[in-house]
Amino acid sequence: EHVRPVDIGKLAESRSFSIIPTARAAEDDPVTSCMLDRP
């Protein structure tokens, strides 16, 4: 149950305008395994 975070560093800010909103984790929240995510 303790899935380790995925290390991609600090999440980058998107500089582009998008009609489709993109999901983003809070800056301090680690990105966890795909087992805890949905498409």
Full PDB file with SEQRES, HELIX, SHEET, SSBOND, CRYST1, ORIGX, SCALE, CONECT and MASTER records, all heavy atoms in Angstrom:
SEQRES   1 A   39  GLU HIS VAL ARG PRO VAL ASP ILE GLY LYS LEU ALA GLU          
SEQRES   2 A   39  SER ARG SER PHE SER ILE ILE PRO THR ALA ARG ALA ALA          
SEQRES   3 A   39  GLU ASP ASP PRO VAL THR SER CYS MET LEU ASP ARG PRO          
HELIX    1 AA1 CYS A   34  LEU A   36  5                                   3    
CRYST1    1.000    1.000    1.000  90.00  90.00  90.00 P 1           1          
ORIGX1      1.000000  0.000000  0.000000        0.00000                         
ORIGX2      0.000000  1.000000  0.000000        0.00000                         
ORIGX3      0.000000  0.000000  1.000000        0.00000                         
SCALE1      1.000000  0.000000  0.000000        0.00000                         
SCALE2      0.000000  1.000000  0.000000        0.00000                         
SCALE3      0.000000  0.000000  1.000000        0.00000                         
ATOM      1  N   GLU A   1       0.810  -1.222   0.000  1.00  0.00           N  
ATOM      2  CA  GLU A   1       0.000   0.000   0.000  1.00  0.00           C  
ATOM      3  C   GLU A   1       0.843   1.273   0.000  1.00  0.00           C  
ATOM      4  O   GLU A   1       0.345   2.355  -0.218  1.00  0.00           O  
ATOM      5  CB  GLU A   1      -0.979   0.012   1.179  1.00  0.00           C  
ATOM      6  CG  GLU A   1      -0.343  -0.082   2.535  1.00  0.00           C  
ATOM      7  CD  GLU A   1      -0.087  -1.517   2.988  1.00  0.00           C  
ATOM      8  OE1 GLU A   1      -0.510  -2.476   2.346  1.00  0.00           O  
ATOM      9  OE2 GLU A   1       0.562  -1.679   4.016  1.00  0.00           O  
ATOM     10  N   HIS A   2       2.145   1.169   0.230  1.00  0.00           N  
ATOM     11  CA  HIS A   2       3.026   2.330   0.227  1.00  0.00           C  
ATOM     12  C   HIS A   2       3.752   2.414  -1.117  1.00  0.00           C  
ATOM     13  O   HIS A   2       4.896   2.006  -1.245  1.00  0.00           O  
ATOM     14  CB  HIS A   2       4.043   2.247   1.371  1.00  0.00           C  
ATOM     15  CG  HIS A   2       3.399   2.135   2.709  1.00  0.00           C  
ATOM     16  ND1 HIS A   2       2.694   3.167   3.273  1.00  0.00           N  
ATOM     17  CD2 HIS A   2       3.315   1.103   3.575  1.00  0.00           C  
ATOM     18  CE1 HIS A   2       2.228   2.782   4.443  1.00  0.00           C  
ATOM     19  NE2 HIS A   2       2.574   1.537   4.643  1.00  0.00           N  
ATOM     20  N   VAL A   3       3.067   2.921  -2.122  1.00  0.00           N  
ATOM     21  CA  VAL A   3       3.649   3.049  -3.453  1.00  0.00           C  
ATOM     22  C   VAL A   3       4.548   4.281  -3.463  1.00  0.00           C  
ATOM     23  O   VAL A   3       4.129   5.363  -3.059  1.00  0.00           O  
ATOM     24  CB  VAL A   3       2.539   3.170  -4.518  1.00  0.00           C  
ATOM     25  CG1 VAL A   3       3.137   3.335  -5.900  1.00  0.00           C  
ATOM     26  CG2 VAL A   3       1.627   1.964  -4.474  1.00  0.00           C  
ATOM     27  N   ARG A   4       5.784   4.107  -3.901  1.00  0.00           N  
ATOM     28  CA  ARG A   4       6.717   5.236  -3.885  1.00  0.00           C  
ATOM     29  C   ARG A   4       6.380   6.244  -4.978  1.00  0.00           C  
ATOM     30  O   ARG A   4       5.877   5.884  -6.050  1.00  0.00           O  
ATOM     31  CB  ARG A   4       8.141   4.754  -3.989  1.00  0.00           C  
ATOM     32  CG  ARG A   4       8.470   4.193  -5.322  1.00  0.00           C  
ATOM     33  CD  ARG A   4       9.950   3.939  -5.464  1.00  0.00           C  
ATOM     34  NE  ARG A   4      10.165   3.955  -6.877  1.00  0.00           N  
ATOM     35  CZ  ARG A   4      11.038   3.236  -7.516  1.00  0.00           C  
ATOM     36  NH1 ARG A   4      11.836   2.468  -6.866  1.00  0.00           N  
ATOM     37  NH2 ARG A   4      11.152   3.298  -8.809  1.00  0.00           N  
ATOM     38  N   PRO A   5       6.686   7.517  -4.726  1.00  0.00           N  
ATOM     39  CA  PRO A   5       6.410   8.547  -5.731  1.00  0.00           C  
ATOM     40  C   PRO A   5       7.308   8.396  -6.956  1.00  0.00           C  
ATOM     41  O   PRO A   5       8.366   7.790  -6.890  1.00  0.00           O  
ATOM     42  CB  PRO A   5       6.715   9.865  -5.007  1.00  0.00           C  
ATOM     43  CG  PRO A   5       7.193   9.530  -3.654  1.00  0.00           C  
ATOM     44  CD  PRO A   5       7.231   8.044  -3.503  1.00  0.00           C  
ATOM     45  N   VAL A   6       6.868   8.980  -8.059  1.00  0.00           N  
ATOM     46  CA  VAL A   6       7.642   9.002  -9.295  1.00  0.00           C  
ATOM     47  C   VAL A   6       8.427  10.310  -9.297  1.00  0.00           C  
ATOM     48  O   VAL A   6       7.855  11.383  -9.150  1.00  0.00           O  
ATOM     49  CB  VAL A   6       6.707   8.936 -10.524  1.00  0.00           C  
ATOM     50  CG1 VAL A   6       7.508   8.994 -11.807  1.00  0.00           C  
ATOM     51  CG2 VAL A   6       5.844   7.684 -10.483  1.00  0.00           C  
ATOM     52  N   ASP A   7       9.755  10.225  -9.466  1.00  0.00           N  
ATOM     53  CA  ASP A   7      10.601  11.410  -9.396  1.00  0.00           C  
ATOM     54  C   ASP A   7      10.772  12.039 -10.776  1.00  0.00           C  
ATOM     55  O   ASP A   7      11.556  11.575 -11.595  1.00  0.00           O  
ATOM     56  CB  ASP A   7      11.964  11.060  -8.810  1.00  0.00           C  
ATOM     57  CG  ASP A   7      12.848  12.280  -8.614  1.00  0.00           C  
ATOM     58  OD1 ASP A   7      12.330  13.417  -8.662  1.00  0.00           O  
ATOM     59  OD2 ASP A   7      14.066  12.104  -8.425  1.00  0.00           O  
ATOM     60  N   ILE A   8      10.001  13.114 -11.007  1.00  0.00           N  
ATOM     61  CA  ILE A   8      10.157  13.886 -12.242  1.00  0.00           C  
ATOM     62  C   ILE A   8      10.588  15.311 -11.916  1.00  0.00           C  
ATOM     63  O   ILE A   8      10.669  16.157 -12.802  1.00  0.00           O  
ATOM     64  CB  ILE A   8       8.877  13.884 -13.104  1.00  0.00           C  
ATOM     65  CG1 ILE A   8       7.703  14.493 -12.363  1.00  0.00           C  
ATOM     66  CG2 ILE A   8       8.575  12.479 -13.596  1.00  0.00           C  
ATOM     67  CD1 ILE A   8       6.473  14.737 -13.235  1.00  0.00           C  
ATOM     68  N   GLY A   9      10.853  15.569 -10.635  1.00  0.00           N  
ATOM     69  CA  GLY A   9      11.229  16.915 -10.207  1.00  0.00           C  
ATOM     70  C   GLY A   9      10.005  17.762  -9.970  1.00  0.00           C  
ATOM     71  O   GLY A   9       8.875  17.271  -9.880  1.00  0.00           O  
ATOM     72  N   LYS A  10      10.223  19.053  -9.882  1.00  0.00           N  
ATOM     73  CA  LYS A  10       9.144  20.015  -9.669  1.00  0.00           C  
ATOM     74  C   LYS A  10       8.288  20.074 -10.931  1.00  0.00           C  
ATOM     75  O   LYS A  10       8.816  20.164 -12.045  1.00  0.00           O  
ATOM     76  CB  LYS A  10       9.765  21.387  -9.365  1.00  0.00           C  
ATOM     77  CG  LYS A  10       8.762  22.454  -9.071  1.00  0.00           C  
ATOM     78  CD  LYS A  10       9.495  23.762  -8.758  1.00  0.00           C  
ATOM     79  CE  LYS A  10       8.511  24.888  -8.644  1.00  0.00           C  
ATOM     80  NZ  LYS A  10       9.192  26.171  -8.446  1.00  0.00           N  
ATOM     81  N   LEU A  11       6.978  20.003 -10.760  1.00  0.00           N  
ATOM     82  CA  LEU A  11       6.090  20.054 -11.916  1.00  0.00           C  
ATOM     83  C   LEU A  11       6.230  21.387 -12.629  1.00  0.00           C  
ATOM     84  O   LEU A  11       6.262  22.448 -12.000  1.00  0.00           O  
ATOM     85  CB  LEU A  11       4.636  19.838 -11.501  1.00  0.00           C  
ATOM     86  CG  LEU A  11       4.288  18.416 -11.074  1.00  0.00           C  
ATOM     87  CD1 LEU A  11       2.873  18.362 -10.531  1.00  0.00           C  
ATOM     88  CD2 LEU A  11       4.439  17.457 -12.230  1.00  0.00           C  
ATOM     89  N   ALA A  12       6.320  21.314 -13.947  1.00  0.00           N  
ATOM     90  CA  ALA A  12       6.490  22.503 -14.773  1.00  0.00           C  
ATOM     91  C   ALA A  12       5.158  23.190 -14.980  1.00  0.00           C  
ATOM     92  O   ALA A  12       4.113  22.545 -15.081  1.00  0.00           O  
ATOM     93  CB  ALA A  12       7.101  22.122 -16.122  1.00  0.00           C  
ATOM     94  N   GLU A  13       5.203  24.502 -15.047  1.00  0.00           N  
ATOM     95  CA  GLU A  13       4.015  25.287 -15.372  1.00  0.00           C  
ATOM     96  C   GLU A  13       3.801  25.255 -16.873  1.00  0.00           C  
ATOM     97  O   GLU A  13       4.747  25.343 -17.638  1.00  0.00           O  
ATOM     98  CB  GLU A  13       4.200  26.748 -14.935  1.00  0.00           C  
ATOM     99  CG  GLU A  13       4.202  26.933 -13.438  1.00  0.00           C  
ATOM    100  CD  GLU A  13       2.850  26.716 -12.806  1.00  0.00           C  
ATOM    101  OE1 GLU A  13       1.824  26.949 -13.480  1.00  0.00           O  
ATOM    102  OE2 GLU A  13       2.814  26.284 -11.651  1.00  0.00           O  
ATOM    103  N   SER A  14       2.570  25.153 -17.284  1.00  0.00           N  
ATOM    104  CA  SER A  14       2.264  25.199 -18.710  1.00  0.00           C  
ATOM    105  C   SER A  14       2.240  26.655 -19.156  1.00  0.00           C  
ATOM    106  O   SER A  14       1.602  27.489 -18.530  1.00  0.00           O  
ATOM    107  CB  SER A  14       0.912  24.538 -18.977  1.00  0.00           C  
ATOM    108  OG  SER A  14       0.554  24.708 -20.314  1.00  0.00           O  
ATOM    109  N   ARG A  15       2.936  26.957 -20.251  1.00  0.00           N  
ATOM    110  CA  ARG A  15       2.967  28.320 -20.776  1.00  0.00           C  
ATOM    111  C   ARG A  15       1.937  28.503 -21.876  1.00  0.00           C  
ATOM    112  O   ARG A  15       1.804  29.566 -22.439  1.00  0.00           O  
ATOM    113  CB  ARG A  15       4.352  28.617 -21.336  1.00  0.00           C  
ATOM    114  CG  ARG A  15       5.417  28.641 -20.287  1.00  0.00           C  
ATOM    115  CD  ARG A  15       6.718  29.016 -20.939  1.00  0.00           C  
ATOM    116  NE  ARG A  15       6.959  28.251 -22.140  1.00  0.00           N  
ATOM    117  CZ  ARG A  15       7.927  27.373 -22.290  1.00  0.00           C  
ATOM    118  NH1 ARG A  15       8.754  27.123 -21.322  1.00  0.00           N  
ATOM    119  NH2 ARG A  15       8.073  26.735 -23.422  1.00  0.00           N  
ATOM    120  N   SER A  16       1.216  27.462 -22.207  1.00  0.00           N  
ATOM    121  CA  SER A  16       0.307  27.576 -23.338  1.00  0.00           C  
ATOM    122  C   SER A  16      -1.139  27.714 -22.880  1.00  0.00           C  
ATOM    123  O   SER A  16      -1.503  27.310 -21.791  1.00  0.00           O  
ATOM    124  CB  SER A  16       0.429  26.340 -24.223  1.00  0.00           C  
ATOM    125  OG  SER A  16      -0.018  25.209 -23.522  1.00  0.00           O  
ATOM    126  N   PHE A  17      -1.942  28.297 -23.732  1.00  0.00           N  
ATOM    127  CA  PHE A  17      -3.372  28.368 -23.508  1.00  0.00           C  
ATOM    128  C   PHE A  17      -3.975  27.059 -23.969  1.00  0.00           C  
ATOM    129  O   PHE A  17      -3.606  26.518 -25.001  1.00  0.00           O  
ATOM    130  CB  PHE A  17      -3.969  29.532 -24.314  1.00  0.00           C  
ATOM    131  CG  PHE A  17      -5.469  29.527 -24.311  1.00  0.00           C  
ATOM    132  CD1 PHE A  17      -6.160  29.955 -23.190  1.00  0.00           C  
ATOM    133  CD2 PHE A  17      -6.165  29.077 -25.406  1.00  0.00           C  
ATOM    134  CE1 PHE A  17      -7.541  29.935 -23.179  1.00  0.00           C  
ATOM    135  CE2 PHE A  17      -7.548  29.060 -25.400  1.00  0.00           C  
ATOM    136  CZ  PHE A  17      -8.243  29.491 -24.279  1.00  0.00           C  
ATOM    137  N   SER A  18      -4.919  26.536 -23.201  1.00  0.00           N  
ATOM    138  CA  SER A  18      -5.537  25.277 -23.576  1.00  0.00           C  
ATOM    139  C   SER A  18      -7.033  25.351 -23.354  1.00  0.00           C  
ATOM    140  O   SER A  18      -7.496  25.805 -22.307  1.00  0.00           O  
ATOM    141  CB  SER A  18      -4.956  24.136 -22.736  1.00  0.00           C  
ATOM    142  OG  SER A  18      -5.618  22.942 -23.032  1.00  0.00           O  
ATOM    143  N   ILE A  19      -7.789  24.935 -24.336  1.00  0.00           N  
ATOM    144  CA  ILE A  19      -9.239  24.846 -24.190  1.00  0.00           C  
ATOM    145  C   ILE A  19      -9.581  23.689 -23.268  1.00  0.00           C  
ATOM    146  O   ILE A  19     -10.525  23.736 -22.507  1.00  0.00           O  
ATOM    147  CB  ILE A  19      -9.905  24.650 -25.577  1.00  0.00           C  
ATOM    148  CG1 ILE A  19      -9.695  25.904 -26.422  1.00  0.00           C  
ATOM    149  CG2 ILE A  19     -11.375  24.337 -25.434  1.00  0.00           C  
ATOM    150  CD1 ILE A  19     -10.146  25.782 -27.837  1.00  0.00           C  
ATOM    151  N   ILE A  20      -8.769  22.655 -23.329  1.00  0.00           N  
ATOM    152  CA  ILE A  20      -8.973  21.464 -22.504  1.00  0.00           C  
ATOM    153  C   ILE A  20      -8.159  21.637 -21.229  1.00  0.00           C  
ATOM    154  O   ILE A  20      -6.946  21.796 -21.273  1.00  0.00           O  
ATOM    155  CB  ILE A  20      -8.491  20.200 -23.244  1.00  0.00           C  
ATOM    156  CG1 ILE A  20      -9.206  20.080 -24.580  1.00  0.00           C  
ATOM    157  CG2 ILE A  20      -8.709  18.959 -22.385  1.00  0.00           C  
ATOM    158  CD1 ILE A  20      -8.586  19.088 -25.517  1.00  0.00           C  
ATOM    159  N   PRO A  21      -8.812  21.617 -20.043  1.00  0.00           N  
ATOM    160  CA  PRO A  21      -8.043  21.769 -18.814  1.00  0.00           C  
ATOM    161  C   PRO A  21      -7.163  20.549 -18.570  1.00  0.00           C  
ATOM    162  O   PRO A  21      -7.522  19.430 -18.912  1.00  0.00           O  
ATOM    163  CB  PRO A  21      -9.125  21.881 -17.728  1.00  0.00           C  
ATOM    164  CG  PRO A  21     -10.328  21.247 -18.314  1.00  0.00           C  
ATOM    165  CD  PRO A  21     -10.223  21.419 -19.808  1.00  0.00           C  
ATOM    166  N   THR A  22      -5.988  20.791 -18.007  1.00  0.00           N  
ATOM    167  CA  THR A  22      -5.096  19.690 -17.696  1.00  0.00           C  
ATOM    168  C   THR A  22      -5.036  19.504 -16.197  1.00  0.00           C  
ATOM    169  O   THR A  22      -5.016  20.475 -15.449  1.00  0.00           O  
ATOM    170  CB  THR A  22      -3.672  19.945 -18.233  1.00  0.00           C  
ATOM    171  OG1 THR A  22      -3.200  21.167 -17.700  1.00  0.00           O  
ATOM    172  CG2 THR A  22      -3.653  19.986 -19.747  1.00  0.00           C  
ATOM    173  N   ALA A  23      -5.026  18.267 -15.763  1.00  0.00           N  
ATOM    174  CA  ALA A  23      -4.923  17.972 -14.343  1.00  0.00           C  
ATOM    175  C   ALA A  23      -3.497  18.232 -13.898  1.00  0.00           C  
ATOM    176  O   ALA A  23      -2.557  17.959 -14.615  1.00  0.00           O  
ATOM    177  CB  ALA A  23      -5.303  16.524 -14.080  1.00  0.00           C  
ATOM    178  N   ARG A  24      -3.359  18.790 -12.720  1.00  0.00           N  
ATOM    179  CA  ARG A  24      -2.041  19.103 -12.205  1.00  0.00           C  
ATOM    180  C   ARG A  24      -2.039  18.860 -10.720  1.00  0.00           C  
ATOM    181  O   ARG A  24      -2.936  19.264 -10.008  1.00  0.00           O  
ATOM    182  CB  ARG A  24      -1.741  20.575 -12.460  1.00  0.00           C  
ATOM    183  CG  ARG A  24      -0.369  20.800 -13.014  1.00  0.00           C  
ATOM    184  CD  ARG A  24      -0.129  22.240 -13.316  1.00  0.00           C  
ATOM    185  NE  ARG A  24       0.363  23.041 -12.237  1.00  0.00           N  
ATOM    186  CZ  ARG A  24       1.479  22.846 -11.572  1.00  0.00           C  
ATOM    187  NH1 ARG A  24       2.216  21.809 -11.820  1.00  0.00           N  
ATOM    188  NH2 ARG A  24       1.864  23.659 -10.636  1.00  0.00           N  
ATOM    189  N   ALA A  25      -1.025  18.200 -10.226  1.00  0.00           N  
ATOM    190  CA  ALA A  25      -0.880  18.004  -8.792  1.00  0.00           C  
ATOM    191  C   ALA A  25      -0.374  19.305  -8.189  1.00  0.00           C  
ATOM    192  O   ALA A  25       0.246  20.108  -8.856  1.00  0.00           O  
ATOM    193  CB  ALA A  25       0.116  16.883  -8.523  1.00  0.00           C  
ATOM    194  N   ALA A  26      -0.660  19.503  -6.908  1.00  0.00           N  
ATOM    195  CA  ALA A  26      -0.124  20.675  -6.226  1.00  0.00           C  
ATOM    196  C   ALA A  26       1.400  20.587  -6.259  1.00  0.00           C  
ATOM    197  O   ALA A  26       1.972  19.501  -6.258  1.00  0.00           O  
ATOM    198  CB  ALA A  26      -0.636  20.722  -4.797  1.00  0.00           C  
ATOM    199  N   GLU A  27       2.072  21.753  -6.256  1.00  0.00           N  
ATOM    200  CA  GLU A  27       3.518  21.792  -6.410  1.00  0.00           C  
ATOM    201  C   GLU A  27       4.249  20.924  -5.399  1.00  0.00           C  
ATOM    202  O   GLU A  27       5.244  20.295  -5.706  1.00  0.00           O  
ATOM    203  CB  GLU A  27       3.980  23.238  -6.298  1.00  0.00           C  
ATOM    204  CG  GLU A  27       5.437  23.432  -6.601  1.00  0.00           C  
ATOM    205  CD  GLU A  27       5.800  24.895  -6.572  1.00  0.00           C  
ATOM    206  OE1 GLU A  27       5.245  25.647  -7.393  1.00  0.00           O  
ATOM    207  OE2 GLU A  27       6.624  25.264  -5.741  1.00  0.00           O  
ATOM    208  N   ASP A  28       3.762  20.887  -4.160  1.00  0.00           N  
ATOM    209  CA  ASP A  28       4.432  20.119  -3.120  1.00  0.00           C  
ATOM    210  C   ASP A  28       3.995  18.660  -3.061  1.00  0.00           C  
ATOM    211  O   ASP A  28       4.577  17.872  -2.337  1.00  0.00           O  
ATOM    212  CB  ASP A  28       4.198  20.767  -1.750  1.00  0.00           C  
ATOM    213  CG  ASP A  28       4.836  22.144  -1.673  1.00  0.00           C  
ATOM    214  OD1 ASP A  28       5.823  22.379  -2.403  1.00  0.00           O  
ATOM    215  OD2 ASP A  28       4.343  22.980  -0.896  1.00  0.00           O  
ATOM    216  N   ASP A  29       2.934  18.312  -3.764  1.00  0.00           N  
ATOM    217  CA  ASP A  29       2.454  16.933  -3.765  1.00  0.00           C  
ATOM    218  C   ASP A  29       3.303  16.087  -4.695  1.00  0.00           C  
ATOM    219  O   ASP A  29       3.520  16.458  -5.851  1.00  0.00           O  
ATOM    220  CB  ASP A  29       0.999  16.847  -4.232  1.00  0.00           C  
ATOM    221  CG  ASP A  29       0.024  17.437  -3.235  1.00  0.00           C  
ATOM    222  OD1 ASP A  29       0.420  17.649  -2.068  1.00  0.00           O  
ATOM    223  OD2 ASP A  29      -1.124  17.695  -3.625  1.00  0.00           O  
ATOM    224  N   PRO A  30       3.793  14.937  -4.225  1.00  0.00           N  
ATOM    225  CA  PRO A  30       4.559  14.073  -5.136  1.00  0.00           C  
ATOM    226  C   PRO A  30       3.628  13.419  -6.154  1.00  0.00           C  
ATOM    227  O   PRO A  30       2.448  13.211  -5.890  1.00  0.00           O  
ATOM    228  CB  PRO A  30       5.165  13.028  -4.198  1.00  0.00           C  
ATOM    229  CG  PRO A  30       4.245  12.998  -3.022  1.00  0.00           C  
ATOM    230  CD  PRO A  30       3.661  14.382  -2.896  1.00  0.00           C  
ATOM    231  N   VAL A  31       4.153  13.125  -7.321  1.00  0.00           N  
ATOM    232  CA  VAL A  31       3.400  12.391  -8.331  1.00  0.00           C  
ATOM    233  C   VAL A  31       3.525  10.919  -7.947  1.00  0.00           C  
ATOM    234  O   VAL A  31       4.630  10.393  -7.838  1.00  0.00           O  
ATOM    235  CB  VAL A  31       3.957  12.647  -9.744  1.00  0.00           C  
ATOM    236  CG1 VAL A  31       3.206  11.822 -10.765  1.00  0.00           C  
ATOM    237  CG2 VAL A  31       3.878  14.123 -10.085  1.00  0.00           C  
ATOM    238  N   THR A  32       2.404  10.270  -7.712  1.00  0.00           N  
ATOM    239  CA  THR A  32       2.423   8.878  -7.283  1.00  0.00           C  
ATOM    240  C   THR A  32       2.306   7.941  -8.480  1.00  0.00           C  
ATOM    241  O   THR A  32       2.217   8.371  -9.614  1.00  0.00           O  
ATOM    242  CB  THR A  32       1.284   8.611  -6.280  1.00  0.00           C  
ATOM    243  OG1 THR A  32       0.040   8.934  -6.903  1.00  0.00           O  
ATOM    244  CG2 THR A  32       1.450   9.434  -5.021  1.00  0.00           C  
ATOM    245  N   SER A  33       2.251   6.680  -8.199  1.00  0.00           N  
ATOM    246  CA  SER A  33       2.168   5.629  -9.217  1.00  0.00           C  
ATOM    247  C   SER A  33       0.898   5.745 -10.056  1.00  0.00           C  
ATOM    248  O   SER A  33      -0.120   6.267  -9.611  1.00  0.00           O  
ATOM    249  CB  SER A  33       2.196   4.277  -8.498  1.00  0.00           C  
ATOM    250  OG  SER A  33       1.479   3.305  -9.196  1.00  0.00           O  
ATOM    251  N   CYS A  34       0.956   5.187 -11.259  1.00  0.00           N  
ATOM    252  CA  CYS A  34      -0.222   5.159 -12.121  1.00  0.00           C  
ATOM    253  C   CYS A  34      -1.355   4.334 -11.519  1.00  0.00           C  
ATOM    254  O   CYS A  34      -2.509   4.483 -11.894  1.00  0.00           O  
ATOM    255  CB  CYS A  34       0.138   4.636 -13.507  1.00  0.00           C  
ATOM    256  SG  CYS A  34       0.848   2.983 -13.554  1.00  0.00           S  
ATOM    257  N   MET A  35      -1.032   3.482 -10.544  1.00  0.00           N  
ATOM    258  CA  MET A  35      -2.065   2.683  -9.884  1.00  0.00           C  
ATOM    259  C   MET A  35      -3.023   3.563  -9.085  1.00  0.00           C  
ATOM    260  O   MET A  35      -4.129   3.157  -8.765  1.00  0.00           O  
ATOM    261  CB  MET A  35      -1.439   1.632  -8.966  1.00  0.00           C  
ATOM    262  CG  MET A  35      -0.647   0.573  -9.705  1.00  0.00           C  
ATOM    263  SD  MET A  35      -1.624  -0.352 -10.901  1.00  0.00           S  
ATOM    264  CE  MET A  35      -2.858  -1.074  -9.857  1.00  0.00           C  
ATOM    265  N   LEU A  36      -2.600   4.786  -8.763  1.00  0.00           N  
ATOM    266  CA  LEU A  36      -3.421   5.708  -7.981  1.00  0.00           C  
ATOM    267  C   LEU A  36      -3.929   6.870  -8.829  1.00  0.00           C  
ATOM    268  O   LEU A  36      -4.344   7.892  -8.297  1.00  0.00           O  
ATOM    269  CB  LEU A  36      -2.608   6.240  -6.796  1.00  0.00           C  
ATOM    270  CG  LEU A  36      -2.064   5.175  -5.846  1.00  0.00           C  
ATOM    271  CD1 LEU A  36      -1.153   5.805  -4.807  1.00  0.00           C  
ATOM    272  CD2 LEU A  36      -3.202   4.406  -5.189  1.00  0.00           C  
ATOM    273  N   ASP A  37      -3.921   6.724 -10.140  1.00  0.00           N  
ATOM    274  CA  ASP A  37      -4.311   7.777 -11.066  1.00  0.00           C  
ATOM    275  C   ASP A  37      -5.356   7.224 -12.025  1.00  0.00           C  
ATOM    276  O   ASP A  37      -5.550   6.011 -12.117  1.00  0.00           O  
ATOM    277  CB  ASP A  37      -3.061   8.246 -11.842  1.00  0.00           C  
ATOM    278  CG  ASP A  37      -3.237   9.593 -12.521  1.00  0.00           C  
ATOM    279  OD1 ASP A  37      -4.319  10.193 -12.419  1.00  0.00           O  
ATOM    280  OD2 ASP A  37      -2.271  10.040 -13.169  1.00  0.00           O  
ATOM    281  N   ARG A  38      -6.035   8.099 -12.728  1.00  0.00           N  
ATOM    282  CA  ARG A  38      -6.981   7.705 -13.768  1.00  0.00           C  
ATOM    283  C   ARG A  38      -6.666   8.496 -15.028  1.00  0.00           C  
ATOM    284  O   ARG A  38      -6.156   9.614 -14.951  1.00  0.00           O  
ATOM    285  CB  ARG A  38      -8.412   8.011 -13.327  1.00  0.00           C  
ATOM    286  CG  ARG A  38      -8.894   7.163 -12.188  1.00  0.00           C  
ATOM    287  CD  ARG A  38     -10.377   7.356 -11.947  1.00  0.00           C  
ATOM    288  NE  ARG A  38     -10.789   8.733 -12.067  1.00  0.00           N  
ATOM    289  CZ  ARG A  38     -11.344   9.437 -11.089  1.00  0.00           C  
ATOM    290  NH1 ARG A  38     -11.545   8.903  -9.921  1.00  0.00           N  
ATOM    291  NH2 ARG A  38     -11.710  10.685 -11.281  1.00  0.00           N  
ATOM    292  N   PRO A  39      -6.997   7.942 -16.193  1.00  0.00           N  
ATOM    293  CA  PRO A  39      -6.696   8.685 -17.425  1.00  0.00           C  
ATOM    294  C   PRO A  39      -7.620   9.882 -17.607  1.00  0.00           C  
ATOM    295  O   PRO A  39      -8.767   9.872 -17.178  1.00  0.00           O  
ATOM    296  CB  PRO A  39      -6.922   7.648 -18.527  1.00  0.00           C  
ATOM    297  CG  PRO A  39      -7.847   6.646 -17.943  1.00  0.00           C  
ATOM    298  CD  PRO A  39      -7.572   6.635 -16.455  1.00  0.00           C  
TER     299      PRO A  39                                                      
MASTER        0    0    0    1    0    0    0    6  298    1    0    3          
END                                                                             
